[in-house]
Amino acid sequence: MASESPPPSPSFEQAFEALRKAVQELEAGPLPLDVAIARYEDGIRLAEVCNDILDKAELRISQVLRESPGETPGQ
């Protein structure tokens, strides 16, 4: 049996759009409880994905700024 690789991680834009849609659906009105819980769980997972991507981007920017000779932030 072939091993299955995990699905590719969504881009920030994809994850953020999916999060936005989940929030809209929750805010739009009454949902069956199981659907509302599923959307909430999806939202939490997507928010974590977005935060992880943003944390990695911030780290990359910090590294670039440290490696830039003669450059100081704000100049």
PDB file of N, CA and C in Angstrom:
ATOM      1  N   MET A   1       0.838  -1.166   0.000  1.00  0.00           N
ATOM      2  CA  MET A   1       0.000   0.000   0.000  1.00  0.00           C
ATOM      3  C   MET A   1       0.891   1.239   0.000  1.00  0.00           C
ATOM      4  N   ALA A   2       0.624   2.207  -0.868  1.00  0.00           N
ATOM      5  CA  ALA A   2       1.431   3.426  -0.976  1.00  0.00           C
ATOM      6  C   ALA A   2       1.109   4.370   0.173  1.00  0.00           C
ATOM      7  N   SER A   3       2.150   5.011   0.678  1.00  0.00           N
ATOM      8  CA  SER A   3       1.911   5.967   1.752  1.00  0.00           C
ATOM      9  C   SER A   3       1.365   7.257   1.149  1.00  0.00           C
ATOM     10  N   GLU A   4       0.397   7.843   1.843  1.00  0.00           N
ATOM     11  CA  GLU A   4      -0.202   9.071   1.360  1.00  0.00           C
ATOM     12  C   GLU A   4       0.539  10.249   1.970  1.00  0.00           C
ATOM     13  N   SER A   5       0.881  11.207   1.134  1.00  0.00           N
ATOM     14  CA  SER A   5       1.523  12.405   1.651  1.00  0.00           C
ATOM     15  C   SER A   5       0.437  13.370   2.118  1.00  0.00           C
ATOM     16  N   PRO A   6       0.759  14.200   3.113  1.00  0.00           N
ATOM     17  CA  PRO A   6      -0.243  15.138   3.593  1.00  0.00           C
ATOM     18  C   PRO A   6      -0.593  16.140   2.502  1.00  0.00           C
ATOM     19  N   PRO A   7      -1.819  16.669   2.537  1.00  0.00           N
ATOM     20  CA  PRO A   7      -2.183  17.648   1.516  1.00  0.00           C
ATOM     21  C   PRO A   7      -1.308  18.885   1.649  1.00  0.00           C
ATOM     22  N   PRO A   8      -1.057  19.570   0.541  1.00  0.00           N
ATOM     23  CA  PRO A   8      -0.202  20.760   0.613  1.00  0.00           C
ATOM     24  C   PRO A   8      -0.855  21.827   1.488  1.00  0.00           C
ATOM     25  N   SER A   9      -0.022  22.589   2.172  1.00  0.00           N
ATOM     26  CA  SER A   9      -0.527  23.660   3.019  1.00  0.00           C
ATOM     27  C   SER A   9      -1.094  24.757   2.141  1.00  0.00           C
ATOM     28  N   PRO A  10      -2.201  25.360   2.593  1.00  0.00           N
ATOM     29  CA  PRO A  10      -2.758  26.455   1.797  1.00  0.00           C
ATOM     30  C   PRO A  10      -1.870  27.687   1.899  1.00  0.00           C
ATOM     31  N   SER A  11      -1.968  28.542   0.906  1.00  0.00           N
ATOM     32  CA  SER A  11      -1.265  29.819   0.978  1.00  0.00           C
ATOM     33  C   SER A  11      -1.973  30.692   2.008  1.00  0.00           C
ATOM     34  N   PHE A  12      -1.318  31.780   2.407  1.00  0.00           N
ATOM     35  CA  PHE A  12      -1.952  32.700   3.350  1.00  0.00           C
ATOM     36  C   PHE A  12      -3.273  33.197   2.778  1.00  0.00           C
ATOM     37  N   GLU A  13      -3.264  33.561   1.514  1.00  0.00           N
ATOM     38  CA  GLU A  13      -4.465  34.100   0.885  1.00  0.00           C
ATOM     39  C   GLU A  13      -5.603  33.086   0.885  1.00  0.00           C
ATOM     40  N   GLN A  14      -5.284  31.835   0.591  1.00  0.00           N
ATOM     41  CA  GLN A  14      -6.307  30.787   0.590  1.00  0.00           C
ATOM     42  C   GLN A  14      -6.858  30.564   1.990  1.00  0.00           C
ATOM     43  N   ALA A  15      -5.965  30.480   2.969  1.00  0.00           N
ATOM     44  CA  ALA A  15      -6.399  30.240   4.345  1.00  0.00           C
ATOM     45  C   ALA A  15      -7.214  31.410   4.865  1.00  0.00           C
ATOM     46  N   PHE A  16      -6.780  32.638   4.565  1.00  0.00           N
ATOM     47  CA  PHE A  16      -7.498  33.812   5.040  1.00  0.00           C
ATOM     48  C   PHE A  16      -8.886  33.902   4.411  1.00  0.00           C
ATOM     49  N   GLU A  17      -8.983  33.609   3.125  1.00  0.00           N
ATOM     50  CA  GLU A  17     -10.290  33.638   2.457  1.00  0.00           C
ATOM     51  C   GLU A  17     -11.222  32.574   3.034  1.00  0.00           C
ATOM     52  N   ALA A  18     -10.712  31.383   3.289  1.00  0.00           N
ATOM     53  CA  ALA A  18     -11.530  30.327   3.894  1.00  0.00           C
ATOM     54  C   ALA A  18     -11.966  30.731   5.301  1.00  0.00           C
ATOM     55  N   LEU A  19     -11.068  31.372   6.054  1.00  0.00           N
ATOM     56  CA  LEU A  19     -11.414  31.856   7.388  1.00  0.00           C
ATOM     57  C   LEU A  19     -12.500  32.915   7.302  1.00  0.00           C
ATOM     58  N   ARG A  20     -12.362  33.840   6.366  1.00  0.00           N
ATOM     59  CA  ARG A  20     -13.358  34.899   6.186  1.00  0.00           C
ATOM     60  C   ARG A  20     -14.734  34.305   5.880  1.00  0.00           C
ATOM     61  N   LYS A  21     -14.766  33.292   5.022  1.00  0.00           N
ATOM     62  CA  LYS A  21     -16.034  32.650   4.662  1.00  0.00           C
ATOM     63  C   LYS A  21     -16.648  31.924   5.862  1.00  0.00           C
ATOM     64  N   ALA A  22     -15.810  31.257   6.658  1.00  0.00           N
ATOM     65  CA  ALA A  22     -16.317  30.564   7.850  1.00  0.00           C
ATOM     66  C   ALA A  22     -16.918  31.552   8.830  1.00  0.00           C
ATOM     67  N   VAL A  23     -16.252  32.690   9.027  1.00  0.00           N
ATOM     68  CA  VAL A  23     -16.767  33.719   9.942  1.00  0.00           C
ATOM     69  C   VAL A  23     -18.077  34.284   9.403  1.00  0.00           C
ATOM     70  N   GLN A  24     -18.123  34.577   8.107  1.00  0.00           N
ATOM     71  CA  GLN A  24     -19.353  35.099   7.508  1.00  0.00           C
ATOM     72  C   GLN A  24     -20.513  34.130   7.706  1.00  0.00           C
ATOM     73  N   GLU A  25     -20.237  32.866   7.504  1.00  0.00           N
ATOM     74  CA  GLU A  25     -21.292  31.857   7.648  1.00  0.00           C
ATOM     75  C   GLU A  25     -21.787  31.797   9.090  1.00  0.00           C
ATOM     76  N   LEU A  26     -20.854  31.890  10.046  1.00  0.00           N
ATOM     77  CA  LEU A  26     -21.259  31.871  11.452  1.00  0.00           C
ATOM     78  C   LEU A  26     -22.042  33.118  11.824  1.00  0.00           C
ATOM     79  N   GLU A  27     -21.665  34.253  11.264  1.00  0.00           N
ATOM     80  CA  GLU A  27     -22.332  35.506  11.586  1.00  0.00           C
ATOM     81  C   GLU A  27     -23.660  35.684  10.858  1.00  0.00           C
ATOM     82  N   ALA A  28     -23.858  34.953   9.764  1.00  0.00           N
ATOM     83  CA  ALA A  28     -25.030  35.141   8.921  1.00  0.00           C
ATOM     84  C   ALA A  28     -26.332  34.745   9.603  1.00  0.00           C
ATOM     85  N   GLY A  29     -26.277  33.833  10.511  1.00  0.00           N
ATOM     86  CA  GLY A  29     -27.524  33.447  11.144  1.00  0.00           C
ATOM     87  C   GLY A  29     -27.478  32.044  11.674  1.00  0.00           C
ATOM     88  N   PRO A  30     -28.624  31.586  12.074  1.00  0.00           N
ATOM     89  CA  PRO A  30     -28.687  30.278  12.722  1.00  0.00           C
ATOM     90  C   PRO A  30     -28.216  29.144  11.803  1.00  0.00           C
ATOM     91  N   LEU A  31     -27.377  28.327  12.366  1.00  0.00           N
ATOM     92  CA  LEU A  31     -26.896  27.123  11.699  1.00  0.00           C
ATOM     93  C   LEU A  31     -27.201  25.946  12.601  1.00  0.00           C
ATOM     94  N   PRO A  32     -27.355  24.772  12.037  1.00  0.00           N
ATOM     95  CA  PRO A  32     -27.459  23.603  12.902  1.00  0.00           C
ATOM     96  C   PRO A  32     -26.210  23.522  13.780  1.00  0.00           C
ATOM     97  N   LEU A  33     -26.375  23.050  14.986  1.00  0.00           N
ATOM     98  CA  LEU A  33     -25.278  23.034  15.950  1.00  0.00           C
ATOM     99  C   LEU A  33     -24.040  22.336  15.409  1.00  0.00           C
ATOM    100  N   ASP A  34     -24.212  21.181  14.779  1.00  0.00           N
ATOM    101  CA  ASP A  34     -23.045  20.453  14.281  1.00  0.00           C
ATOM    102  C   ASP A  34     -22.316  21.230  13.181  1.00  0.00           C
ATOM    103  N   VAL A  35     -23.047  21.956  12.351  1.00  0.00           N
ATOM    104  CA  VAL A  35     -22.432  22.771  11.304  1.00  0.00           C
ATOM    105  C   VAL A  35     -21.702  23.955  11.934  1.00  0.00           C
ATOM    106  N   ALA A  36     -22.335  24.601  12.921  1.00  0.00           N
ATOM    107  CA  ALA A  36     -21.707  25.745  13.597  1.00  0.00           C
ATOM    108  C   ALA A  36     -20.409  25.315  14.286  1.00  0.00           C
ATOM    109  N   ILE A  37     -20.418  24.187  14.929  1.00  0.00           N
ATOM    110  CA  ILE A  37     -19.208  23.693  15.602  1.00  0.00           C
ATOM    111  C   ILE A  37     -18.124  23.380  14.574  1.00  0.00           C
ATOM    112  N   ALA A  38     -18.503  22.769  13.470  1.00  0.00           N
ATOM    113  CA  ALA A  38     -17.531  22.455  12.415  1.00  0.00           C
ATOM    114  C   ALA A  38     -16.918  23.736  11.846  1.00  0.00           C
ATOM    115  N   ARG A  39     -17.749  24.763  11.601  1.00  0.00           N
ATOM    116  CA  ARG A  39     -17.222  26.032  11.083  1.00  0.00           C
ATOM    117  C   ARG A  39     -16.301  26.690  12.110  1.00  0.00           C
ATOM    118  N   TYR A  40     -16.665  26.614  13.384  1.00  0.00           N
ATOM    119  CA  TYR A  40     -15.829  27.184  14.441  1.00  0.00           C
ATOM    120  C   TYR A  40     -14.474  26.479  14.477  1.00  0.00           C
ATOM    121  N   GLU A  41     -14.495  25.150  14.426  1.00  0.00           N
ATOM    122  CA  GLU A  41     -13.241  24.375  14.424  1.00  0.00           C
ATOM    123  C   GLU A  41     -12.398  24.719  13.202  1.00  0.00           C
ATOM    124  N   ASP A  42     -13.057  24.831  12.045  1.00  0.00           N
ATOM    125  CA  ASP A  42     -12.340  25.223  10.823  1.00  0.00           C
ATOM    126  C   ASP A  42     -11.707  26.600  11.005  1.00  0.00           C
ATOM    127  N   GLY A  43     -12.464  27.522  11.590  1.00  0.00           N
ATOM    128  CA  GLY A  43     -11.970  28.877  11.803  1.00  0.00           C
ATOM    129  C   GLY A  43     -10.753  28.905  12.705  1.00  0.00           C
ATOM    130  N   ILE A  44     -10.789  28.149  13.780  1.00  0.00           N
ATOM    131  CA  ILE A  44      -9.650  28.089  14.694  1.00  0.00           C
ATOM    132  C   ILE A  44      -8.422  27.541  13.972  1.00  0.00           C
ATOM    133  N   ARG A  45      -8.608  26.462  13.225  1.00  0.00           N
ATOM    134  CA  ARG A  45      -7.493  25.856  12.486  1.00  0.00           C
ATOM    135  C   ARG A  45      -6.941  26.826  11.450  1.00  0.00           C
ATOM    136  N   LEU A  46      -7.820  27.493  10.725  1.00  0.00           N
ATOM    137  CA  LEU A  46      -7.382  28.435   9.696  1.00  0.00           C
ATOM    138  C   LEU A  46      -6.682  29.649  10.301  1.00  0.00           C
ATOM    139  N   ALA A  47      -7.165  30.122  11.436  1.00  0.00           N
ATOM    140  CA  ALA A  47      -6.505  31.241  12.119  1.00  0.00           C
ATOM    141  C   ALA A  47      -5.095  30.835  12.535  1.00  0.00           C
ATOM    142  N   GLU A  48      -4.927  29.607  12.995  1.00  0.00           N
ATOM    143  CA  GLU A  48      -3.595  29.122  13.368  1.00  0.00           C
ATOM    144  C   GLU A  48      -2.685  29.048  12.144  1.00  0.00           C
ATOM    145  N   VAL A  49      -3.223  28.588  11.018  1.00  0.00           N
ATOM    146  CA  VAL A  49      -2.446  28.520   9.780  1.00  0.00           C
ATOM    147  C   VAL A  49      -1.998  29.924   9.384  1.00  0.00           C
ATOM    148  N   CYS A  50      -2.925  30.888   9.407  1.00  0.00           N
ATOM    149  CA  CYS A  50      -2.583  32.269   9.048  1.00  0.00           C
ATOM    150  C   CYS A  50      -1.526  32.831   9.994  1.00  0.00           C
ATOM    151  N   ASN A  51      -1.696  32.605  11.289  1.00  0.00           N
ATOM    152  CA  ASN A  51      -0.718  33.104  12.260  1.00  0.00           C
ATOM    153  C   ASN A  51       0.657  32.485  12.046  1.00  0.00           C
ATOM    154  N   ASP A  52       0.699  31.190  11.752  1.00  0.00           N
ATOM    155  CA  ASP A  52       1.986  30.529  11.495  1.00  0.00           C
ATOM    156  C   ASP A  52       2.673  31.128  10.274  1.00  0.00           C
ATOM    157  N   ILE A  53       1.909  31.355   9.214  1.00  0.00           N
ATOM    158  CA  ILE A  53       2.476  31.933   7.993  1.00  0.00           C
ATOM    159  C   ILE A  53       2.993  33.340   8.274  1.00  0.00           C
ATOM    160  N   LEU A  54       2.216  34.137   9.015  1.00  0.00           N
ATOM    161  CA  LEU A  54       2.649  35.496   9.341  1.00  0.00           C
ATOM    162  C   LEU A  54       3.885  35.494  10.238  1.00  0.00           C
ATOM    163  N   ASP A  55       3.949  34.563  11.191  1.00  0.00           N
ATOM    164  CA  ASP A  55       5.133  34.459  12.057  1.00  0.00           C
ATOM    165  C   ASP A  55       6.376  34.146  11.238  1.00  0.00           C
ATOM    166  N   LYS A  56       6.247  33.229  10.278  1.00  0.00           N
ATOM    167  CA  LYS A  56       7.382  32.870   9.427  1.00  0.00           C
ATOM    168  C   LYS A  56       7.794  34.044   8.550  1.00  0.00           C
ATOM    169  N   ALA A  57       6.824  34.796   8.048  1.00  0.00           N
ATOM    170  CA  ALA A  57       7.138  35.968   7.229  1.00  0.00           C
ATOM    171  C   ALA A  57       7.858  37.021   8.061  1.00  0.00           C
ATOM    172  N   GLU A  58       7.406  37.229   9.277  1.00  0.00           N
ATOM    173  CA  GLU A  58       8.060  38.200  10.161  1.00  0.00           C
ATOM    174  C   GLU A  58       9.499  37.787  10.446  1.00  0.00           C
ATOM    175  N   LEU A  59       9.714  36.506  10.679  1.00  0.00           N
ATOM    176  CA  LEU A  59      11.068  36.005  10.924  1.00  0.00           C
ATOM    177  C   LEU A  59      11.956  36.225   9.702  1.00  0.00           C
ATOM    178  N   ARG A  60      11.437  35.944   8.522  1.00  0.00           N
ATOM    179  CA  ARG A  60      12.218  36.157   7.293  1.00  0.00           C
ATOM    180  C   ARG A  60      12.589  37.616   7.126  1.00  0.00           C
ATOM    181  N   ILE A  61      11.640  38.509   7.385  1.00  0.00           N
ATOM    182  CA  ILE A  61      11.918  39.943   7.262  1.00  0.00           C
ATOM    183  C   ILE A  61      12.978  40.361   8.266  1.00  0.00           C
ATOM    184  N   SER A  62      12.877  39.872   9.492  1.00  0.00           N
ATOM    185  CA  SER A  62      13.876  40.185  10.515  1.00  0.00           C
ATOM    186  C   SER A  62      15.256  39.711  10.093  1.00  0.00           C
ATOM    187  N   GLN A  63      15.327  38.510   9.515  1.00  0.00           N
ATOM    188  CA  GLN A  63      16.609  37.975   9.059  1.00  0.00           C
ATOM    189  C   GLN A  63      17.183  38.813   7.934  1.00  0.00           C
ATOM    190  N   VAL A  64      16.348  39.231   7.004  1.00  0.00           N
ATOM    191  CA  VAL A  64      16.810  40.060   5.892  1.00  0.00           C
ATOM    192  C   VAL A  64      17.333  41.387   6.421  1.00  0.00           C
ATOM    193  N   LEU A  65      16.632  41.981   7.360  1.00  0.00           N
ATOM    194  CA  LEU A  65      17.076  43.258   7.925  1.00  0.00           C
ATOM    195  C   LEU A  65      18.406  43.112   8.655  1.00  0.00           C
ATOM    196  N   ARG A  66      18.601  42.000   9.365  1.00  0.00           N
ATOM    197  CA  ARG A  66      19.868  41.772  10.071  1.00  0.00           C
ATOM    198  C   ARG A  66      21.016  41.554   9.097  1.00  0.00           C
ATOM    199  N   GLU A  67      20.725  40.933   7.953  1.00  0.00           N
ATOM    200  CA  GLU A  67      21.766  40.594   6.983  1.00  0.00           C
ATOM    201  C   GLU A  67      22.081  41.733   6.025  1.00  0.00           C
ATOM    202  N   SER A  68      21.261  42.781   6.000  1.00  0.00           N
ATOM    203  CA  SER A  68      21.474  43.888   5.080  1.00  0.00           C
ATOM    204  C   SER A  68      22.579  44.789   5.605  1.00  0.00           C
ATOM    205  N   PRO A  69      23.720  44.838   4.906  1.00  0.00           N
ATOM    206  CA  PRO A  69      24.815  45.675   5.367  1.00  0.00           C
ATOM    207  C   PRO A  69      24.484  47.155   5.214  1.00  0.00           C
ATOM    208  N   GLY A  70      24.748  47.915   6.270  1.00  0.00           N
ATOM    209  CA  GLY A  70      24.574  49.357   6.214  1.00  0.00           C
ATOM    210  C   GLY A  70      23.141  49.837   6.249  1.00  0.00           C
ATOM    211  N   GLU A  71      22.191  48.949   6.350  1.00  0.00           N
ATOM    212  CA  GLU A  71      20.788  49.338   6.389  1.00  0.00           C
ATOM    213  C   GLU A  71      20.310  49.292   7.836  1.00  0.00           C
ATOM    214  N   THR A  72      19.530  50.274   8.221  1.00  0.00           N
ATOM    215  CA  THR A  72      18.900  50.261   9.530  1.00  0.00           C
ATOM    216  C   THR A  72      17.409  50.452   9.339  1.00  0.00           C
ATOM    217  N   PRO A  73      16.593  49.794  10.145  1.00  0.00           N
ATOM    218  CA  PRO A  73      15.150  49.952  10.008  1.00  0.00           C
ATOM    219  C   PRO A  73      14.745  51.406  10.158  1.00  0.00           C
ATOM    220  N   GLY A  74      13.801  51.847   9.359  1.00  0.00           N
ATOM    221  CA  GLY A  74      13.293  53.185   9.450  1.00  0.00           C
ATOM    222  C   GLY A  74      14.024  54.188   8.596  1.00  0.00           C
ATOM    223  N   GLN A  75      15.022  53.761   7.855  1.00  0.00           N
ATOM    224  CA  GLN A  75      15.755  54.695   6.988  1.00  0.00           C
ATOM    225  C   GLN A  75      15.432  54.436   5.547  1.00  0.00           C
TER     226      GLN A  75
END
